PDB file of all heavy atoms in Angstrom:
ATOM      1  N   SER A   1      14.096  -8.180   0.395  1.00  0.00           N
ATOM      2  CA  SER A   1      13.475  -6.972  -0.284  1.00  0.00           C
ATOM      3  C   SER A   1      14.415  -6.104  -1.081  1.00  0.00           C
ATOM      4  O   SER A   1      15.128  -5.433  -0.473  1.00  0.00           O
ATOM      5  CB  SER A   1      12.725  -6.174   0.670  1.00  0.00           C
ATOM      6  OG  SER A   1      12.022  -5.016   0.161  1.00  0.00           O
ATOM      7  N   THR A   2      14.249  -6.237  -2.327  1.00  0.00           N
ATOM      8  CA  THR A   2      15.131  -5.400  -3.229  1.00  0.00           C
ATOM      9  C   THR A   2      14.644  -3.939  -3.254  1.00  0.00           C
ATOM     10  O   THR A   2      15.445  -2.987  -3.147  1.00  0.00           O
ATOM     11  CB  THR A   2      14.999  -5.772  -4.777  1.00  0.00           C
ATOM     12  OG1 THR A   2      13.665  -5.906  -5.172  1.00  0.00           O
ATOM     13  CG2 THR A   2      15.665  -7.275  -4.901  1.00  0.00           C
ATOM     14  N   SER A   3      13.298  -3.799  -3.035  1.00  0.00           N
ATOM     15  CA  SER A   3      12.747  -2.393  -3.075  1.00  0.00           C
ATOM     16  C   SER A   3      13.175  -1.655  -1.767  1.00  0.00           C
ATOM     17  O   SER A   3      13.690  -0.529  -1.772  1.00  0.00           O
ATOM     18  CB  SER A   3      11.181  -2.403  -2.954  1.00  0.00           C
ATOM     19  OG  SER A   3      10.643  -3.017  -4.139  1.00  0.00           O
ATOM     20  N   PHE A   4      13.093  -2.250  -0.632  1.00  0.00           N
ATOM     21  CA  PHE A   4      13.509  -1.544   0.644  1.00  0.00           C
ATOM     22  C   PHE A   4      14.958  -1.563   0.800  1.00  0.00           C
ATOM     23  O   PHE A   4      15.597  -0.477   1.218  1.00  0.00           O
ATOM     24  CB  PHE A   4      12.915  -2.286   1.885  1.00  0.00           C
ATOM     25  CG  PHE A   4      11.376  -2.019   2.003  1.00  0.00           C
ATOM     26  CD1 PHE A   4      10.456  -3.094   1.902  1.00  0.00           C
ATOM     27  CD2 PHE A   4      10.904  -0.681   2.262  1.00  0.00           C
ATOM     28  CE1 PHE A   4       9.191  -2.930   2.135  1.00  0.00           C
ATOM     29  CE2 PHE A   4       9.577  -0.502   2.473  1.00  0.00           C
ATOM     30  CZ  PHE A   4       8.573  -1.551   2.353  1.00  0.00           C
ATOM     31  N   SER A   5      15.683  -2.459   0.201  1.00  0.00           N
ATOM     32  CA  SER A   5      17.090  -2.451   0.197  1.00  0.00           C
ATOM     33  C   SER A   5      17.696  -1.238  -0.545  1.00  0.00           C
ATOM     34  O   SER A   5      18.511  -0.552  -0.142  1.00  0.00           O
ATOM     35  CB  SER A   5      17.732  -3.664  -0.399  1.00  0.00           C
ATOM     36  OG  SER A   5      17.430  -4.714   0.495  1.00  0.00           O
ATOM     37  N   MET A   6      17.169  -1.094  -1.751  1.00  0.00           N
ATOM     38  CA  MET A   6      17.575   0.143  -2.614  1.00  0.00           C
ATOM     39  C   MET A   6      17.244   1.472  -1.909  1.00  0.00           C
ATOM     40  O   MET A   6      17.921   2.375  -2.041  1.00  0.00           O
ATOM     41  CB  MET A   6      17.018  -0.021  -4.004  1.00  0.00           C
ATOM     42  CG  MET A   6      17.520  -1.174  -4.737  1.00  0.00           C
ATOM     43  SD  MET A   6      16.672  -1.409  -6.460  1.00  0.00           S
ATOM     44  CE  MET A   6      17.582  -0.040  -7.308  1.00  0.00           C
ATOM     45  N   GLY A   7      16.040   1.508  -1.269  1.00  0.00           N
ATOM     46  CA  GLY A   7      15.686   2.697  -0.495  1.00  0.00           C
ATOM     47  C   GLY A   7      16.659   3.010   0.603  1.00  0.00           C
ATOM     48  O   GLY A   7      17.029   4.134   0.765  1.00  0.00           O
ATOM     49  N   ILE A   8      16.987   2.012   1.416  1.00  0.00           N
ATOM     50  CA  ILE A   8      17.888   2.065   2.573  1.00  0.00           C
ATOM     51  C   ILE A   8      19.356   2.661   2.135  1.00  0.00           C
ATOM     52  O   ILE A   8      19.815   3.393   2.810  1.00  0.00           O
ATOM     53  CB  ILE A   8      17.933   0.874   3.532  1.00  0.00           C
ATOM     54  CG1 ILE A   8      16.511   0.671   4.012  1.00  0.00           C
ATOM     55  CG2 ILE A   8      18.989   1.006   4.563  1.00  0.00           C
ATOM     56  CD1 ILE A   8      16.354  -0.721   4.810  1.00  0.00           C
ATOM     57  N   ARG A   9      19.696   2.117   1.031  1.00  0.00           N
ATOM     58  CA  ARG A   9      21.082   2.448   0.579  1.00  0.00           C
ATOM     59  C   ARG A   9      21.253   3.986   0.324  1.00  0.00           C
ATOM     60  O   ARG A   9      22.383   4.432   0.318  1.00  0.00           O
ATOM     61  CB  ARG A   9      21.490   1.690  -0.703  1.00  0.00           C
ATOM     62  CG  ARG A   9      21.728   0.208  -0.458  1.00  0.00           C
ATOM     63  CD  ARG A   9      22.283  -0.514  -1.617  1.00  0.00           C
ATOM     64  NE  ARG A   9      22.074  -1.907  -1.571  1.00  0.00           N
ATOM     65  CZ  ARG A   9      21.269  -2.692  -2.326  1.00  0.00           C
ATOM     66  NH1 ARG A   9      20.722  -2.054  -3.235  1.00  0.00           N
ATOM     67  NH2 ARG A   9      21.307  -3.953  -2.203  1.00  0.00           N
ATOM     68  N   VAL A  10      20.183   4.594  -0.004  1.00  0.00           N
ATOM     69  CA  VAL A  10      20.345   6.117  -0.265  1.00  0.00           C
ATOM     70  C   VAL A  10      20.055   6.954   0.916  1.00  0.00           C
ATOM     71  O   VAL A  10      20.065   8.096   0.973  1.00  0.00           O
ATOM     72  CB  VAL A  10      19.474   6.407  -1.412  1.00  0.00           C
ATOM     73  CG1 VAL A  10      19.806   5.757  -2.694  1.00  0.00           C
ATOM     74  CG2 VAL A  10      17.980   6.253  -1.107  1.00  0.00           C
ATOM     75  N   PHE A  11      19.721   6.265   2.145  1.00  0.00           N
ATOM     76  CA  PHE A  11      19.729   7.087   3.303  1.00  0.00           C
ATOM     77  C   PHE A  11      21.076   7.528   3.707  1.00  0.00           C
ATOM     78  O   PHE A  11      22.024   6.998   3.329  1.00  0.00           O
ATOM     79  CB  PHE A  11      19.149   6.151   4.533  1.00  0.00           C
ATOM     80  CG  PHE A  11      17.713   5.822   4.482  1.00  0.00           C
ATOM     81  CD1 PHE A  11      17.202   4.623   4.918  1.00  0.00           C
ATOM     82  CD2 PHE A  11      16.834   6.829   4.067  1.00  0.00           C
ATOM     83  CE1 PHE A  11      15.960   4.402   4.912  1.00  0.00           C
ATOM     84  CE2 PHE A  11      15.503   6.386   4.018  1.00  0.00           C
ATOM     85  CZ  PHE A  11      14.963   5.226   4.496  1.00  0.00           C
ATOM     86  N   ASP A  12      21.092   8.660   4.476  1.00  0.00           N
ATOM     87  CA  ASP A  12      22.355   9.051   5.159  1.00  0.00           C
ATOM     88  C   ASP A  12      22.856   7.810   5.972  1.00  0.00           C
ATOM     89  O   ASP A  12      22.120   7.003   6.567  1.00  0.00           O
ATOM     90  CB  ASP A  12      21.978  10.259   6.076  1.00  0.00           C
ATOM     91  CG  ASP A  12      23.306  10.716   6.679  1.00  0.00           C
ATOM     92  OD1 ASP A  12      23.961  10.186   7.603  1.00  0.00           O
ATOM     93  OD2 ASP A  12      23.889  11.829   6.139  1.00  0.00           O
ATOM     94  N   LYS A  13      24.222   7.604   5.983  1.00  0.00           N
ATOM     95  CA  LYS A  13      24.812   6.492   6.551  1.00  0.00           C
ATOM     96  C   LYS A  13      24.417   6.287   8.019  1.00  0.00           C
ATOM     97  O   LYS A  13      24.238   5.121   8.475  1.00  0.00           O
ATOM     98  CB  LYS A  13      26.413   6.655   6.537  1.00  0.00           C
ATOM     99  CG  LYS A  13      26.970   6.482   5.093  1.00  0.00           C
ATOM    100  CD  LYS A  13      28.435   6.506   5.156  1.00  0.00           C
ATOM    101  CE  LYS A  13      28.987   6.314   3.903  1.00  0.00           C
ATOM    102  NZ  LYS A  13      30.463   6.500   3.870  1.00  0.00           N
ATOM    103  N   ARG A  14      24.010   7.300   8.753  1.00  0.00           N
ATOM    104  CA  ARG A  14      23.706   7.187  10.147  1.00  0.00           C
ATOM    105  C   ARG A  14      22.339   6.429  10.354  1.00  0.00           C
ATOM    106  O   ARG A  14      22.068   5.939  11.487  1.00  0.00           O
ATOM    107  CB  ARG A  14      23.659   8.496  10.829  1.00  0.00           C
ATOM    108  CG  ARG A  14      22.643   9.484  10.572  1.00  0.00           C
ATOM    109  CD  ARG A  14      22.813  10.847  11.148  1.00  0.00           C
ATOM    110  NE  ARG A  14      21.652  11.647  11.015  1.00  0.00           N
ATOM    111  CZ  ARG A  14      21.389  12.445  10.082  1.00  0.00           C
ATOM    112  NH1 ARG A  14      22.205  12.450   8.970  1.00  0.00           N
ATOM    113  NH2 ARG A  14      20.395  13.286  10.053  1.00  0.00           N
ATOM    114  N   PHE A  15      21.516   6.527   9.271  1.00  0.00           N
ATOM    115  CA  PHE A  15      20.190   5.895   9.340  1.00  0.00           C
ATOM    116  C   PHE A  15      20.078   4.530   8.922  1.00  0.00           C
ATOM    117  O   PHE A  15      19.234   3.833   9.196  1.00  0.00           O
ATOM    118  CB  PHE A  15      19.162   6.750   8.533  1.00  0.00           C
ATOM    119  CG  PHE A  15      18.832   8.113   9.032  1.00  0.00           C
ATOM    120  CD1 PHE A  15      18.743   9.194   8.262  1.00  0.00           C
ATOM    121  CD2 PHE A  15      18.633   8.311  10.467  1.00  0.00           C
ATOM    122  CE1 PHE A  15      18.430  10.470   8.585  1.00  0.00           C
ATOM    123  CE2 PHE A  15      18.391   9.592  10.869  1.00  0.00           C
ATOM    124  CZ  PHE A  15      18.266  10.712  10.075  1.00  0.00           C
ATOM    125  N   ARG A  16      21.131   4.103   8.152  1.00  0.00           N
ATOM    126  CA  ARG A  16      21.078   2.802   7.597  1.00  0.00           C
ATOM    127  C   ARG A  16      21.000   1.558   8.644  1.00  0.00           C
ATOM    128  O   ARG A  16      20.206   0.745   8.577  1.00  0.00           O
ATOM    129  CB  ARG A  16      22.200   2.489   6.703  1.00  0.00           C
ATOM    130  CG  ARG A  16      22.148   3.359   5.435  1.00  0.00           C
ATOM    131  CD  ARG A  16      23.314   3.302   4.489  1.00  0.00           C
ATOM    132  NE  ARG A  16      23.495   4.451   3.639  1.00  0.00           N
ATOM    133  CZ  ARG A  16      24.656   4.755   2.915  1.00  0.00           C
ATOM    134  NH1 ARG A  16      25.610   3.941   3.020  1.00  0.00           N
ATOM    135  NH2 ARG A  16      24.679   5.899   2.216  1.00  0.00           N
ATOM    136  N   PRO A  17      22.018   1.515   9.586  1.00  0.00           N
ATOM    137  CA  PRO A  17      21.993   0.362  10.567  1.00  0.00           C
ATOM    138  C   PRO A  17      20.607   0.317  11.339  1.00  0.00           C
ATOM    139  O   PRO A  17      20.129  -0.753  11.412  1.00  0.00           O
ATOM    140  CB  PRO A  17      23.229   0.640  11.520  1.00  0.00           C
ATOM    141  CG  PRO A  17      24.149   1.455  10.570  1.00  0.00           C
ATOM    142  CD  PRO A  17      23.289   2.350   9.744  1.00  0.00           C
ATOM    143  N   PRO A  18      20.137   1.451  11.952  1.00  0.00           N
ATOM    144  CA  PRO A  18      18.863   1.196  12.707  1.00  0.00           C
ATOM    145  C   PRO A  18      17.720   0.894  11.762  1.00  0.00           C
ATOM    146  O   PRO A  18      16.865   0.107  12.227  1.00  0.00           O
ATOM    147  CB  PRO A  18      18.661   2.582  13.295  1.00  0.00           C
ATOM    148  CG  PRO A  18      19.528   3.578  12.475  1.00  0.00           C
ATOM    149  CD  PRO A  18      20.709   2.798  12.054  1.00  0.00           C
ATOM    150  N   ILE A  19      17.674   1.280  10.622  1.00  0.00           N
ATOM    151  CA  ILE A  19      16.554   0.913   9.726  1.00  0.00           C
ATOM    152  C   ILE A  19      16.719  -0.602   9.290  1.00  0.00           C
ATOM    153  O   ILE A  19      15.720  -1.373   9.276  1.00  0.00           O
ATOM    154  CB  ILE A  19      16.454   1.829   8.502  1.00  0.00           C
ATOM    155  CG1 ILE A  19      16.163   3.234   8.921  1.00  0.00           C
ATOM    156  CG2 ILE A  19      15.288   1.324   7.518  1.00  0.00           C
ATOM    157  CD1 ILE A  19      14.851   3.379   9.836  1.00  0.00           C
ATOM    158  N   TYR A  20      17.859  -1.114   8.960  1.00  0.00           N
ATOM    159  CA  TYR A  20      18.143  -2.429   8.747  1.00  0.00           C
ATOM    160  C   TYR A  20      17.710  -3.224  10.049  1.00  0.00           C
ATOM    161  O   TYR A  20      17.040  -4.308   9.795  1.00  0.00           O
ATOM    162  CB  TYR A  20      19.556  -2.777   8.473  1.00  0.00           C
ATOM    163  CG  TYR A  20      20.109  -2.432   7.137  1.00  0.00           C
ATOM    164  CD1 TYR A  20      21.278  -1.666   6.871  1.00  0.00           C
ATOM    165  CD2 TYR A  20      19.419  -2.801   6.009  1.00  0.00           C
ATOM    166  CE1 TYR A  20      21.770  -1.315   5.601  1.00  0.00           C
ATOM    167  CE2 TYR A  20      19.814  -2.508   4.675  1.00  0.00           C
ATOM    168  CZ  TYR A  20      20.981  -1.732   4.551  1.00  0.00           C
ATOM    169  OH  TYR A  20      21.463  -1.322   3.236  1.00  0.00           O
ATOM    170  N   ALA A  21      17.982  -2.707  11.165  1.00  0.00           N
ATOM    171  CA  ALA A  21      17.586  -3.485  12.369  1.00  0.00           C
ATOM    172  C   ALA A  21      16.166  -3.674  12.490  1.00  0.00           C
ATOM    173  O   ALA A  21      15.533  -4.663  13.020  1.00  0.00           O
ATOM    174  CB  ALA A  21      18.261  -2.863  13.718  1.00  0.00           C
ATOM    175  N   VAL A  22      15.354  -2.611  12.272  1.00  0.00           N
ATOM    176  CA  VAL A  22      13.901  -2.644  12.332  1.00  0.00           C
ATOM    177  C   VAL A  22      13.435  -3.582  11.253  1.00  0.00           C
ATOM    178  O   VAL A  22      12.510  -4.530  11.654  1.00  0.00           O
ATOM    179  CB  VAL A  22      13.302  -1.237  12.069  1.00  0.00           C
ATOM    180  CG1 VAL A  22      11.704  -1.342  11.853  1.00  0.00           C
ATOM    181  CG2 VAL A  22      13.750  -0.231  13.307  1.00  0.00           C
ATOM    182  N   TYR A  23      13.882  -3.499  10.114  1.00  0.00           N
ATOM    183  CA  TYR A  23      13.455  -4.494   9.049  1.00  0.00           C
ATOM    184  C   TYR A  23      13.698  -5.874   9.375  1.00  0.00           C
ATOM    185  O   TYR A  23      12.852  -6.838   9.240  1.00  0.00           O
ATOM    186  CB  TYR A  23      14.076  -4.174   7.741  1.00  0.00           C
ATOM    187  CG  TYR A  23      13.464  -4.982   6.522  1.00  0.00           C
ATOM    188  CD1 TYR A  23      12.294  -4.631   5.903  1.00  0.00           C
ATOM    189  CD2 TYR A  23      13.973  -6.307   6.247  1.00  0.00           C
ATOM    190  CE1 TYR A  23      11.857  -5.395   4.865  1.00  0.00           C
ATOM    191  CE2 TYR A  23      13.360  -7.142   5.369  1.00  0.00           C
ATOM    192  CZ  TYR A  23      12.286  -6.686   4.586  1.00  0.00           C
ATOM    193  OH  TYR A  23      11.763  -7.501   3.699  1.00  0.00           O
ATOM    194  N   GLY A  24      14.956  -6.232   9.883  1.00  0.00           N
ATOM    195  CA  GLY A  24      15.329  -7.618  10.216  1.00  0.00           C
ATOM    196  C   GLY A  24      14.222  -8.139  11.344  1.00  0.00           C
ATOM    197  O   GLY A  24      13.854  -9.312  11.343  1.00  0.00           O
ATOM    198  N   PHE A  25      13.953  -7.366  12.293  1.00  0.00           N
ATOM    199  CA  PHE A  25      13.038  -7.773  13.298  1.00  0.00           C
ATOM    200  C   PHE A  25      11.671  -8.027  12.859  1.00  0.00           C
ATOM    201  O   PHE A  25      11.191  -9.094  13.132  1.00  0.00           O
ATOM    202  CB  PHE A  25      13.000  -6.578  14.365  1.00  0.00           C
ATOM    203  CG  PHE A  25      11.830  -6.828  15.352  1.00  0.00           C
ATOM    204  CD1 PHE A  25      12.009  -7.809  16.390  1.00  0.00           C
ATOM    205  CD2 PHE A  25      10.739  -5.944  15.352  1.00  0.00           C
ATOM    206  CE1 PHE A  25      10.985  -7.935  17.277  1.00  0.00           C
ATOM    207  CE2 PHE A  25       9.708  -6.238  16.270  1.00  0.00           C
ATOM    208  CZ  PHE A  25       9.837  -7.187  17.262  1.00  0.00           C
ATOM    209  N   VAL A  26      11.061  -7.093  12.038  1.00  0.00           N
ATOM    210  CA  VAL A  26       9.754  -7.327  11.584  1.00  0.00           C
ATOM    211  C   VAL A  26       9.766  -8.519  10.489  1.00  0.00           C
ATOM    212  O   VAL A  26       8.679  -9.309  10.472  1.00  0.00           O
ATOM    213  CB  VAL A  26       9.067  -6.074  11.016  1.00  0.00           C
ATOM    214  CG1 VAL A  26       9.086  -5.025  12.094  1.00  0.00           C
ATOM    215  CG2 VAL A  26       9.744  -5.597   9.705  1.00  0.00           C
TER     216      VAL A  26
END
């Protein structure tokens, strides 16, 4: 997903790994 990837990249660094983890799971 380019859309969600670009959105996650602009999160604060502390939020990126857990949101990637949720996306990978679903």
